[in-house]
């Protein structure tokens, strides 16, 4: 059985990210793009329900950017797991 885990995207896997947000709307209705993969309602249907639950960004001017992803390691798609350097469990 899979688990919900939180893991940092390895720095060598993080190529780019974009946030397209309106501050007074829920994040689920917005668009987040990481390494060209779109998440959120703004992504259309391509990555809805792909196992990603939460994304945290740590942006410190004196450090490399850190991106943490909360996901279900059985439900995440192979494409998303490989692009973000995350573990996937196949049954």
Protein backbone atom coordinates (compact mmCIF):
# COMPACT_ATOMS: atom_id res chain seq x y z
CA UNK A 1 0.00 0.00 0.00
CA UNK A 2 1.30 3.45 -0.86
CA UNK A 3 1.74 6.39 1.45
CA UNK A 4 1.40 10.13 1.37
CA UNK A 5 4.93 11.49 1.59
CA UNK A 6 6.61 14.88 1.44
CA UNK A 7 9.88 15.05 -0.45
CA UNK A 8 12.08 17.83 -1.73
CA UNK A 9 12.59 17.97 -5.47
CA UNK A 10 16.35 17.37 -5.84
CA UNK A 11 18.07 20.65 -6.81
CA UNK A 12 19.59 19.03 -9.91
CA UNK A 13 16.06 18.11 -11.10
CA UNK A 14 14.57 21.59 -10.56
CA UNK A 15 14.84 23.42 -13.87
CA UNK A 16 12.09 26.01 -13.59
CA UNK A 17 8.85 26.88 -11.87
CA UNK A 18 6.13 29.43 -12.45
CA UNK A 19 3.25 30.54 -10.30
CA UNK A 20 0.21 32.12 -11.92
CA UNK A 21 -1.89 33.17 -8.96
CA UNK A 22 -4.55 35.60 -7.81
CA UNK A 23 -3.95 36.16 -4.11
CA UNK A 24 -7.55 36.05 -2.96
CA UNK A 25 -8.39 32.73 -4.67
CA UNK A 26 -7.68 29.16 -3.51
CA UNK A 27 -4.46 27.61 -4.79
CA UNK A 28 -6.33 24.65 -6.31
CA UNK A 29 -7.96 27.01 -8.80
CA UNK A 30 -4.62 28.49 -9.87
CA UNK A 31 -1.76 27.30 -12.09
CA UNK A 32 1.65 26.03 -10.99
CA UNK A 33 4.19 24.92 -13.59
CA UNK A 34 7.24 22.91 -12.49
CA UNK A 35 9.70 21.69 -15.13
CA UNK A 36 7.05 22.30 -17.77
CA UNK A 37 4.41 20.18 -15.99
CA UNK A 38 1.20 22.04 -15.15
CA UNK A 39 -0.71 21.53 -11.89
CA UNK A 40 -3.93 23.01 -10.51
CA UNK A 41 -7.25 23.81 -12.15
CA UNK A 42 -5.48 26.12 -14.58
CA UNK A 43 -3.62 23.09 -15.98
CA UNK A 44 -6.67 21.66 -17.70
CA UNK A 45 -7.12 17.91 -17.34
CA UNK A 46 -3.58 16.77 -18.06
CA UNK A 47 -2.32 16.65 -14.44
CA UNK A 48 -5.52 16.65 -12.40
CA UNK A 49 -5.55 13.74 -9.99
CA UNK A 50 -1.91 12.84 -10.62
CA UNK A 51 -1.12 12.21 -6.96
CA UNK A 52 0.18 15.69 -6.01
CA UNK A 53 -1.47 17.10 -2.88
CA UNK A 54 0.61 20.10 -1.81
CA UNK A 55 3.61 22.08 -3.04
CA UNK A 56 5.75 24.25 -0.74
CA UNK A 57 8.32 26.75 -2.00
CA UNK A 58 11.19 28.05 0.16
CA UNK A 59 12.74 31.10 -1.45
CA UNK A 60 15.60 32.51 0.61
CA UNK A 61 17.78 35.08 -1.17
CA UNK A 62 20.94 33.48 0.23
CA UNK A 63 20.07 29.85 -0.57
CA UNK A 64 19.13 27.73 -3.55
CA UNK A 65 15.36 27.47 -4.07
CA UNK A 66 13.73 24.52 -2.34
CA UNK A 67 10.52 22.94 -3.55
CA UNK A 68 8.77 20.31 -1.41
CA UNK A 69 6.00 18.15 -2.86
CA UNK A 70 3.42 16.22 -0.85
CA UNK A 71 2.16 13.33 -2.94
CA UNK A 72 0.81 9.79 -2.86
CA UNK A 73 3.63 7.50 -3.98
CA UNK A 74 1.24 5.02 -5.65
CA UNK A 75 -0.97 7.57 -7.40
CA UNK A 76 1.69 9.89 -8.79
CA UNK A 77 2.22 9.29 -12.49
CA UNK A 78 5.50 7.93 -13.78
CA UNK A 79 6.04 11.06 -15.93
CA UNK A 80 5.57 13.41 -12.96
CA UNK A 81 7.69 11.28 -10.59
CA UNK A 82 10.58 11.08 -13.07
CA UNK A 83 10.46 14.77 -13.99
CA UNK A 84 10.50 15.86 -10.34
CA UNK A 85 12.88 13.19 -9.02
CA UNK A 86 10.26 11.64 -6.73
CA UNK A 87 9.77 8.01 -5.71
CA UNK A 88 6.87 6.04 -7.18
CA UNK A 89 5.62 2.66 -6.05
CA UNK A 90 4.18 0.40 -8.75
CA UNK A 91 1.96 -2.51 -7.81
